[in-house]
Amino acid sequence: MADLDTIDNLKATIGKRGGLAHQNRFSLVMTTPAAMQNNVANQEITLLCETASFPGRQIETFEYPLLLSRNTVKMPNVYFNEDIAFNFILTNDQYVRRLFDEWTNLVIDRETYLLNYDDVFKTDMEIHHLNQKGEATYKMKLLRSFPITINSVELSNASSNDYQRLSVTFTFEDFETIL
């Protein structure tokens, strides 16, 4: 009888919390830097985003010896935000690839090798989790983000029914939960 009670409690908890969160219900609000601003393009980028993730955070610790004891305890020192990767579906005109090539060129100019100021290439972006009705249930804002890696795109004669994908890794200074 305890098993049924546990299952009923689980079902009640899930129901009370609005159901289970599905992985395929998300939205990306990506604003490119002002130097390459194009509102229609930003909507297209959002539509072509195949996978995204909410970033994690790791707290770095150090061993602190307890006074008059051989034991140590872990004390928090600093935190690190993990970089996150987005996967995009590529179209025949390689629009997404060209956009991120242009963006990374804003970070470090490929011809002069000069680094731009932060406000030229860093921008905020948002990741939203959506419920079954398409309403945002959780929103996270990545503050001052920019792409740091554009991965290679595989080409293959063996894959005639698949399409190309581009994985782009972003870093950011911090994140905040906005809903």
Foldseek 3Di string as FASTA:
>chain_A
DVVVVVVVVVVVVQVVVPHDFDQQFKWKQDAWAPVDGDVVVSVVQRVFWPHWDDKDKAFDWDWADDPPDPHTDTDTDGMDIDKIKIKGFADPVRVVVVVLVVLVCQQAPPVPRDGDDLSRRFDKMKMFGADPVSDGPWMKIFGRKHWDDWDDWDDDPVDPPDGIMIMTIMDGDDMDIPD
